[in-house]
């Protein structure tokens, strides 16, 4: 929390009005201990970060934290947006949970440790309309299309992408979500060794509505900063009006 606060302060000092933190930014420990670190929202973490946002006058996306859910051993993985007055403006619970079992290689069952959310979330702010998502959601374009159709201009993707999938898919998926929805994408990714025994990819990105990477933080701890130009977003949508040509609704075959 102290390190996150220091980075938020640095970003604000460099002119940032919107700061996005990675997935599970506030606690990274053994999976067996995760449920014990769940908390209510509002709660200790959101209260502390609301004070930071208010002090610095920034919009703050708390990448995600573990929120107490209906099943004590399966907290939600929840992203929150706080405005410059310190008000909690939006809460999004990760919809898509990552389960994979490759014998002799890797076994991850996120659904055994998390409760899935079921509602897409957008929130209107002074810096634009934000569409919320978390990590594995990035592989499901129908979610982002719903966010874009709901008015989203800036898609937030706090993540903890692993190294093997990150090196192959992270940038191309971030760019694809920006291109197909003609949105800005801010994707803050965990880096370094995960407490679960594998490396996270890092390489936090900011992508413009044309799909160009305009800022990146690299593999280590750091900041990626860029100007979010909504006039440019409107120009892209005007000159290539693909969003107005949608004929198949997300989640439907016809």
Protein backbone atom coordinates (compact mmCIF):
# COMPACT_ATOMS: atom_id res chain seq x y z
CA UNK A 1 0.00 0.00 0.00
CA UNK A 2 2.87 2.36 0.84
CA UNK A 3 4.60 1.62 -2.46
CA UNK A 4 1.37 2.05 -4.42
CA UNK A 5 0.81 5.39 -2.71
CA UNK A 6 4.33 6.54 -3.60
CA UNK A 7 3.77 5.65 -7.26
CA UNK A 8 0.41 7.43 -7.30
CA UNK A 9 2.11 10.50 -5.84
CA UNK A 10 4.81 10.34 -8.52
CA UNK A 11 2.20 10.02 -11.27
CA UNK A 12 0.22 12.97 -9.91
CA UNK A 13 3.39 15.07 -9.66
CA UNK A 14 3.98 14.35 -13.36
CA UNK A 15 0.51 15.58 -14.27
CA UNK A 16 -1.63 12.43 -14.17
CA UNK A 17 -5.36 12.98 -13.61
CA UNK A 18 -6.26 9.27 -13.86
CA UNK A 19 -4.08 6.60 -12.22
CA UNK A 20 -4.62 2.87 -12.79
CA UNK A 21 -3.04 0.24 -10.52
CA UNK A 22 -2.53 -3.47 -11.39
CA UNK A 23 -4.73 -6.40 -10.41
CA UNK A 24 -4.56 -7.45 -6.72
CA UNK A 25 -2.23 -4.50 -6.08
CA UNK A 26 -2.74 -4.38 -2.32
CA UNK A 27 -1.90 -7.97 -1.35
CA UNK A 28 0.13 -10.67 -3.05
CA UNK A 29 0.63 -13.81 -1.02
CA UNK A 30 0.08 -17.60 -1.02
CA UNK A 31 -3.22 -18.75 -2.40
CA UNK A 32 -4.01 -20.55 0.84
CA UNK A 33 -4.05 -17.19 2.64
CA UNK A 34 -6.12 -15.22 0.14
CA UNK A 35 -9.57 -15.70 1.62
CA UNK A 36 -8.34 -14.38 4.98
CA UNK A 37 -7.37 -11.12 3.29
CA UNK A 38 -10.80 -10.45 1.82
CA UNK A 39 -12.47 -7.25 3.01
CA UNK A 40 -15.69 -5.32 2.56
CA UNK A 41 -16.12 -2.51 0.03
CA UNK A 42 -16.15 0.19 1.28
CA UNK A 43 -13.48 -1.00 3.67
CA UNK A 44 -9.90 -0.45 4.83
CA UNK A 45 -8.26 -0.40 1.39
CA UNK A 46 -10.86 1.77 -0.33
CA UNK A 47 -10.90 4.15 2.65
CA UNK A 48 -7.12 4.54 2.59
CA UNK A 49 -6.97 5.01 -1.18
CA UNK A 50 -9.91 7.44 -1.12
CA UNK A 51 -7.81 9.65 1.15
CA UNK A 52 -4.91 9.45 -1.34
CA UNK A 53 -7.15 10.32 -4.31
CA UNK A 54 -8.66 13.25 -2.41
CA UNK A 55 -5.27 14.56 -1.26
CA UNK A 56 -3.78 14.40 -4.78
CA UNK A 57 -6.92 15.35 -6.70
CA UNK A 58 -6.80 12.34 -9.05
CA UNK A 59 -9.19 9.74 -10.38
CA UNK A 60 -7.92 6.41 -9.09
CA UNK A 61 -8.61 2.88 -10.31
CA UNK A 62 -7.70 0.38 -7.63
CA UNK A 63 -6.68 -2.36 -10.07
CA UNK A 64 -8.36 -4.99 -7.94
CA UNK A 65 -8.61 -6.22 -4.39
CA UNK A 66 -10.17 -9.23 -2.70
CA UNK A 67 -13.73 -8.42 -1.67
CA UNK A 68 -15.72 -10.55 0.76
CA UNK A 69 -18.40 -12.47 -1.12
CA UNK A 70 -21.30 -14.77 -0.29
CA UNK A 71 -18.90 -17.73 0.08
CA UNK A 72 -16.21 -17.02 2.72
CA UNK A 73 -13.49 -19.01 0.94
CA UNK A 74 -14.21 -17.48 -2.48
CA UNK A 75 -13.87 -13.68 -2.44
CA UNK A 76 -14.66 -11.53 -5.45
CA UNK A 77 -11.78 -10.06 -7.45
CA UNK A 78 -13.00 -6.46 -7.50
CA UNK A 79 -11.89 -3.26 -9.23
CA UNK A 80 -12.93 0.13 -7.82
CA UNK A 81 -12.88 3.67 -9.18
CA UNK A 82 -12.50 6.63 -6.83
CA UNK A 83 -12.94 10.25 -7.91
CA UNK A 84 -10.81 13.27 -6.90
CA UNK A 85 -13.19 14.03 -4.03
CA UNK A 86 -12.45 10.59 -2.59
CA UNK A 87 -15.88 9.21 -3.49
CA UNK A 88 -16.17 5.56 -4.49
CA UNK A 89 -17.80 5.84 -7.92
CA UNK A 90 -17.80 2.31 -9.34
CA UNK A 91 -17.29 -1.30 -8.29
CA UNK A 92 -16.69 -4.08 -10.84
CA UNK A 93 -16.37 -7.77 -9.95
CA UNK A 94 -14.31 -9.83 -12.37
CA UNK A 95 -16.63 -11.85 -14.60
CA UNK A 96 -14.29 -14.31 -16.32
CA UNK A 97 -12.31 -16.73 -14.14
CA UNK A 98 -9.26 -18.60 -15.43
CA UNK A 99 -9.32 -22.40 -15.09
CA UNK A 100 -6.75 -24.62 -16.81
CA UNK A 101 -5.30 -28.07 -16.08
CA UNK A 102 -2.34 -29.23 -18.18
CA UNK A 103 -1.04 -32.41 -16.55
CA UNK A 104 2.62 -32.16 -15.67
CA UNK A 105 2.75 -28.47 -16.62
CA UNK A 106 0.32 -26.19 -14.85
CA UNK A 107 -2.97 -26.29 -12.98
CA UNK A 108 -4.89 -23.11 -12.14
CA UNK A 109 -8.48 -23.14 -10.89
CA UNK A 110 -9.47 -19.54 -10.24
CA UNK A 111 -13.12 -20.53 -9.89
CA UNK A 112 -12.23 -22.57 -6.79
CA UNK A 113 -10.79 -19.48 -5.09
CA UNK A 114 -13.01 -16.70 -6.47
CA UNK A 115 -16.66 -15.86 -6.91
CA UNK A 116 -17.42 -14.51 -10.39
CA UNK A 117 -19.22 -11.24 -10.97
CA UNK A 118 -21.92 -10.93 -13.61
CA UNK A 119 -22.35 -7.23 -14.46
CA UNK A 120 -20.37 -5.08 -16.95
CA UNK A 121 -19.64 -1.66 -15.45
CA UNK A 122 -19.05 1.77 -16.99
CA UNK A 123 -18.67 5.02 -15.07
CA UNK A 124 -18.74 8.60 -16.34
CA UNK A 125 -15.93 10.77 -14.98
CA UNK A 126 -14.36 14.15 -15.70
CA UNK A 127 -11.64 12.42 -17.76
CA UNK A 128 -14.03 10.31 -19.85
CA UNK A 129 -16.34 7.32 -19.60
CA UNK A 130 -14.42 4.39 -18.11
CA UNK A 131 -15.15 0.74 -18.91
CA UNK A 132 -13.94 -1.67 -16.24
CA UNK A 133 -12.41 -5.11 -16.62
CA UNK A 134 -9.74 -7.31 -15.02
CA UNK A 135 -7.00 -9.49 -16.57
CA UNK A 136 -8.56 -12.67 -18.08
CA UNK A 137 -11.54 -10.58 -19.20
CA UNK A 138 -9.18 -9.30 -21.92
CA UNK A 139 -9.76 -12.53 -23.89
CA UNK A 140 -13.51 -11.96 -24.19
CA UNK A 141 -14.20 -9.26 -26.80
CA UNK A 142 -17.95 -9.38 -26.24
CA UNK A 143 -17.48 -7.78 -22.81
CA UNK A 144 -15.59 -4.83 -24.30
CA UNK A 145 -18.13 -4.40 -27.07
CA UNK A 146 -20.83 -4.11 -24.42
CA UNK A 147 -18.72 -1.53 -22.59
CA UNK A 148 -18.17 0.46 -25.80
CA UNK A 149 -21.87 0.31 -26.69
CA UNK A 150 -22.54 1.49 -23.14
CA UNK A 151 -20.52 4.63 -23.80
CA UNK A 152 -17.01 3.62 -22.71
CA UNK A 153 -14.18 5.75 -24.08
CA UNK A 154 -11.33 4.47 -21.90
CA UNK A 155 -11.05 0.74 -21.20
CA UNK A 156 -9.20 -0.17 -18.00
CA UNK A 157 -7.47 -3.57 -17.85
CA UNK A 158 -5.63 -4.07 -14.53
CA UNK A 159 -3.96 -7.47 -14.83
CA UNK A 160 -1.55 -10.12 -13.60
CA UNK A 161 -0.82 -11.77 -16.95
CA UNK A 162 1.70 -14.60 -16.65
CA UNK A 163 4.94 -14.58 -18.60
CA UNK A 164 4.09 -17.31 -21.20
CA UNK A 165 0.72 -15.80 -22.15
CA UNK A 166 2.02 -12.27 -21.75
CA UNK A 167 4.87 -12.61 -24.21
CA UNK A 168 2.54 -14.15 -26.80
CA UNK A 169 -0.75 -12.32 -26.34
CA UNK A 170 -0.66 -9.32 -23.98
CA UNK A 171 0.12 -6.52 -26.41
CA UNK A 172 -1.85 -7.92 -29.33
CA UNK A 173 -4.99 -8.36 -27.18
CA UNK A 174 -4.69 -4.86 -25.71
CA UNK A 175 -4.30 -3.40 -29.19
CA UNK A 176 -7.17 -5.49 -30.55
CA UNK A 177 -9.56 -4.30 -27.83
CA UNK A 178 -8.56 -0.70 -28.61
CA UNK A 179 -8.96 -1.09 -32.38
CA UNK A 180 -12.26 -2.97 -32.46
CA UNK A 181 -13.92 -0.67 -29.91
CA UNK A 182 -12.14 2.55 -30.95
CA UNK A 183 -11.29 3.23 -27.33
CA UNK A 184 -8.25 4.15 -25.33
CA UNK A 185 -6.91 1.18 -23.35
CA UNK A 186 -4.97 1.51 -20.09
CA UNK A 187 -3.58 -1.88 -19.11
CA UNK A 188 -1.62 -2.01 -15.83
CA UNK A 189 0.05 -5.40 -15.39
CA UNK A 190 1.80 -7.03 -12.45
CA UNK A 191 5.48 -7.84 -13.02
CA UNK A 192 8.05 -10.04 -11.35
CA UNK A 193 7.73 -13.33 -9.51
CA UNK A 194 4.21 -14.25 -8.48
CA UNK A 195 3.65 -15.80 -5.04
CA UNK A 196 1.93 -18.63 -6.92
CA UNK A 197 5.27 -19.76 -8.33
CA UNK A 198 5.32 -18.28 -11.83
CA UNK A 199 6.49 -15.02 -13.36
CA UNK A 200 4.10 -12.22 -14.27
CA UNK A 201 4.71 -10.42 -17.55
CA UNK A 202 4.62 -6.71 -16.65
CA UNK A 203 4.86 -4.35 -19.65
CA UNK A 204 1.96 -2.07 -18.67
CA UNK A 205 0.58 -0.34 -21.77
CA UNK A 206 -1.47 2.64 -22.89
CA UNK A 207 -2.97 2.16 -26.36
CA UNK A 208 -4.78 4.76 -28.46
CA UNK A 209 -8.05 4.18 -30.40
CA UNK A 210 -6.10 3.46 -33.59
CA UNK A 211 -4.25 0.63 -31.84
CA UNK A 212 -0.91 2.35 -31.35
CA UNK A 213 1.01 1.78 -28.12
CA UNK A 214 1.72 5.31 -26.92
CA UNK A 215 3.32 4.46 -23.57
CA UNK A 216 4.66 1.43 -21.75
CA UNK A 217 6.27 0.82 -18.38
CA UNK A 218 8.53 -2.08 -19.40
CA UNK A 219 9.20 -5.20 -17.39
CA UNK A 220 9.93 -3.63 -14.01
CA UNK A 221 8.15 -1.38 -11.58
CA UNK A 222 7.41 2.02 -13.01
CA UNK A 223 4.93 4.35 -14.67
CA UNK A 224 3.46 4.59 -18.15
CA UNK A 225 2.06 8.06 -18.83
CA UNK A 226 0.18 9.45 -21.84
CA UNK A 227 -2.32 12.13 -22.74
CA UNK A 228 -5.81 10.72 -23.29
CA UNK A 229 -7.13 12.75 -26.22
CA UNK A 230 -10.89 12.26 -26.52
CA UNK A 231 -11.04 14.56 -29.56
CA UNK A 232 -8.79 12.06 -31.33
CA UNK A 233 -11.10 9.23 -30.24
CA UNK A 234 -14.06 11.05 -31.79
CA UNK A 235 -12.05 11.64 -34.97
CA UNK A 236 -11.25 7.92 -35.27
CA UNK A 237 -14.90 7.00 -34.75
CA UNK A 238 -16.05 9.61 -37.27
CA UNK A 239 -13.57 8.64 -40.00
CA UNK A 240 -13.99 4.86 -39.52
CA UNK A 241 -17.56 4.53 -38.18
CA UNK A 242 -17.49 0.78 -37.54
CA UNK A 243 -19.32 1.04 -34.22
CA UNK A 244 -22.34 2.41 -36.06
CA UNK A 245 -22.32 -0.61 -38.39
CA UNK A 246 -22.75 -3.31 -35.72
CA UNK A 247 -25.33 -5.86 -36.84
CA UNK A 248 -24.78 -8.69 -34.35
CA UNK A 249 -25.36 -7.95 -30.69
CA UNK A 250 -22.72 -9.20 -28.22
CA UNK A 251 -23.67 -12.63 -26.94
CA UNK A 252 -26.17 -13.36 -29.72
CA UNK A 253 -25.84 -15.25 -33.00
CA UNK A 254 -28.31 -13.09 -34.92
